[in-house]
Amino acid sequence: TFGFQVGYAVENAIPRNISHINLLIAQPQVGVIAHQFHRGPVSRFEILGEGILGSAVHPGGHLLGTSLLFRFDGKPHGRFVPFFDAGAGILHTTLSTRAPELSGNLQFLPQGGLGVHYFIRPQRALIFEYRYVHMSNAGIEPPNHGFNASMITIGFRWLRRP
């Protein structure tokens, strides 16, 4: 499968998330369908490699990295196929120079999301997704407060329809 998504993330207002971080991200994707299911609520299991190219609209800085995601597609409902995905990534960012929640340029990015494919053709789909994202350096450089964000993405994918 091949795809591309764009997303906008906003830092959640929990303690120590004081910088009001807003991220604009482009995510090219390549994936493989690891397994097709014929029974149960899941129709397909995919493994996706996803690039991370972006910037912090506020307070400033760039993002460059990659993520590995595991996606579980539900059963189709007409043109709609719901999905759940989870994974993690690693990235280089200069955001730490402007946001006290982060330390250092190397950050890790565990994430999980829910979304839907809307098939406009048998092997072409629009993607709408919500992701919950955490960014921190995993204790490599103190302090390691990190931050949490909610992200909305839209995109396009070329894939095999179940």
Protein backbone atom coordinates (compact mmCIF):
# COMPACT_ATOMS: atom_id res chain seq x y z
CA THR A 1 0.00 0.00 0.00
CA PHE A 2 1.04 3.61 -0.55
CA GLY A 3 -0.38 6.73 1.02
CA PHE A 4 0.05 10.29 2.12
CA GLN A 5 -1.56 12.13 5.02
CA VAL A 6 -1.38 15.65 6.37
CA GLY A 7 -2.16 16.38 9.98
CA TYR A 8 -2.51 19.12 12.52
CA ALA A 9 -1.74 18.41 16.19
CA VAL A 10 -2.53 20.53 19.23
CA GLU A 11 -0.87 20.05 22.63
CA ASN A 12 -3.34 18.85 25.27
CA ALA A 13 -3.82 21.17 28.25
CA ILE A 14 -2.49 18.99 31.06
CA PRO A 15 0.05 20.03 33.73
CA ARG A 16 3.48 21.08 32.39
CA ASN A 17 2.12 21.40 28.83
CA ILE A 18 2.58 25.17 28.86
CA SER A 19 3.94 25.98 25.40
CA HIS A 20 0.68 25.49 23.48
CA ILE A 21 2.53 23.47 20.83
CA ASN A 22 0.81 23.23 17.42
CA LEU A 23 2.28 20.91 14.78
CA LEU A 24 1.68 20.73 11.03
CA ILE A 25 2.83 17.34 9.71
CA ALA A 26 3.09 15.57 6.34
CA GLN A 27 3.23 11.76 6.48
CA PRO A 28 4.19 9.72 3.39
CA GLN A 29 3.38 6.04 3.94
CA VAL A 30 4.32 2.66 2.54
CA GLY A 31 2.91 -0.57 3.92
CA VAL A 32 2.27 -4.25 3.51
CA ILE A 33 -0.87 -6.22 4.15
CA ALA A 34 0.42 -8.84 6.58
CA HIS A 35 -2.77 -10.88 6.94
CA GLN A 36 -6.35 -11.03 5.65
CA PHE A 37 -8.96 -12.31 8.12
CA HIS A 38 -12.10 -14.10 6.98
CA ARG A 39 -13.85 -14.25 10.36
CA GLY A 40 -14.28 -11.90 13.25
CA PRO A 41 -14.45 -8.11 13.45
CA VAL A 42 -11.02 -7.53 11.84
CA SER A 43 -10.65 -7.87 8.07
CA ARG A 44 -6.96 -7.05 7.64
CA PHE A 45 -3.70 -6.47 9.52
CA GLU A 46 -1.21 -4.01 7.96
CA ILE A 47 2.30 -2.87 8.84
CA LEU A 48 3.01 0.73 7.81
CA GLY A 49 6.20 2.75 7.61
CA GLU A 50 5.39 6.43 7.88
CA GLY A 51 7.60 9.45 7.37
CA ILE A 52 7.31 12.50 9.58
CA LEU A 53 7.99 15.87 7.93
CA GLY A 54 6.73 18.94 9.66
CA SER A 55 7.05 22.08 11.65
CA ALA A 56 5.81 23.52 14.89
CA VAL A 57 3.48 26.31 13.85
CA HIS A 58 3.80 27.44 17.47
CA PRO A 59 6.33 27.97 19.11
CA GLY A 60 8.52 27.16 16.07
CA GLY A 61 10.92 24.39 15.05
CA HIS A 62 11.08 21.49 12.61
CA LEU A 63 10.28 17.75 12.80
CA LEU A 64 11.92 15.02 10.72
CA GLY A 65 11.59 11.30 11.43
CA THR A 66 9.82 8.00 10.89
CA SER A 67 7.22 5.79 12.58
CA LEU A 68 6.24 2.13 12.43
CA LEU A 69 2.49 1.54 12.75
CA PHE A 70 0.36 -1.57 13.09
CA ARG A 71 -3.11 -1.10 11.59
CA PHE A 72 -6.18 -3.28 12.07
CA ASP A 73 -8.96 -2.70 9.53
CA GLY A 74 -12.54 -3.51 10.47
CA LYS A 75 -15.17 -5.06 8.25
CA PRO A 76 -16.38 -2.87 5.36
CA HIS A 77 -19.66 -0.96 5.66
CA GLY A 78 -20.38 0.00 2.07
CA ARG A 79 -17.58 2.36 1.04
CA PHE A 80 -16.40 2.85 4.64
CA VAL A 81 -13.78 0.70 6.41
CA PRO A 82 -12.98 1.67 10.02
CA PHE A 83 -9.50 1.08 11.44
CA PHE A 84 -7.39 1.27 14.59
CA ASP A 85 -3.64 1.79 14.53
CA ALA A 86 -0.85 2.00 17.08
CA GLY A 87 2.89 2.40 16.85
CA ALA A 88 5.90 4.51 17.66
CA GLY A 89 8.47 6.63 15.93
CA ILE A 90 11.70 8.50 16.36
CA LEU A 91 12.41 12.01 15.19
CA HIS A 92 14.82 14.90 15.16
CA THR A 93 13.36 18.24 16.17
CA THR A 94 14.45 21.73 17.09
CA LEU A 95 11.24 22.22 19.07
CA SER A 96 13.16 21.65 22.32
CA THR A 97 14.87 25.05 21.95
CA ARG A 98 11.47 26.76 22.19
CA ALA A 99 9.36 24.48 24.44
CA PRO A 100 10.41 23.62 28.02
CA GLU A 101 8.39 20.37 27.87
CA LEU A 102 11.13 18.84 25.70
CA SER A 103 14.89 18.38 26.12
CA GLY A 104 17.28 17.52 23.30
CA ASN A 105 16.81 17.06 19.57
CA LEU A 106 16.06 13.29 19.67
CA GLN A 107 12.44 12.52 20.55
CA PHE A 108 10.29 9.38 20.58
CA LEU A 109 6.70 9.38 19.41
CA PRO A 110 4.34 6.64 20.68
CA GLN A 111 0.87 7.08 19.16
CA GLY A 112 -2.49 5.46 18.60
CA GLY A 113 -5.49 6.35 16.51
CA LEU A 114 -8.91 5.58 15.10
CA GLY A 115 -10.00 6.37 11.59
CA VAL A 116 -11.93 5.44 8.51
CA HIS A 117 -11.09 4.70 4.89
CA TYR A 118 -13.66 6.04 2.43
CA PHE A 119 -13.22 4.18 -0.86
CA ILE A 120 -13.76 6.41 -3.88
CA ARG A 121 -12.65 3.52 -6.15
CA PRO A 122 -11.97 -0.16 -5.36
CA GLN A 123 -8.27 0.47 -4.59
CA ARG A 124 -8.27 4.20 -3.77
CA ALA A 125 -9.41 5.64 -0.47
CA LEU A 126 -9.61 8.91 1.39
CA ILE A 127 -8.42 8.64 4.99
CA PHE A 128 -9.77 10.49 8.02
CA GLU A 129 -8.05 9.81 11.35
CA TYR A 130 -7.72 10.97 14.94
CA ARG A 131 -4.45 10.16 16.76
CA TYR A 132 -3.30 10.62 20.31
CA VAL A 133 0.43 11.37 20.31
CA HIS A 134 3.07 11.55 23.05
CA MET A 135 6.49 13.11 22.43
CA SER A 136 9.45 12.79 24.82
CA ASN A 137 13.11 11.80 24.86
CA ALA A 138 12.59 8.64 27.01
CA GLY A 139 14.92 9.95 29.70
CA ILE A 140 17.97 10.39 27.46
CA GLU A 141 18.38 14.03 28.49
CA PRO A 142 16.83 15.58 31.62
CA PRO A 143 14.33 16.97 32.19
CA ASN A 144 12.02 14.59 30.36
CA HIS A 145 8.54 16.03 30.79
CA GLY A 146 7.38 15.43 27.21
CA PHE A 147 3.96 16.44 25.97
CA ASN A 148 0.72 14.90 24.71
CA ALA A 149 -1.24 16.06 21.69
CA SER A 150 -4.37 15.31 19.72
CA MET A 151 -3.93 15.13 15.95
CA ILE A 152 -6.42 15.09 13.09
CA THR A 153 -5.23 13.83 9.70
CA ILE A 154 -6.66 13.53 6.21
CA GLY A 155 -5.03 11.69 3.36
CA PHE A 156 -5.18 9.41 0.36
CA ARG A 157 -4.17 5.74 0.02
CA TRP A 158 -3.72 3.24 -2.80
CA LEU A 159 -4.44 -0.20 -1.37
CA ARG A 160 -6.16 -3.53 -1.83
CA ARG A 161 -9.75 -3.36 -0.72
CA PRO A 162 -10.94 -6.25 1.46
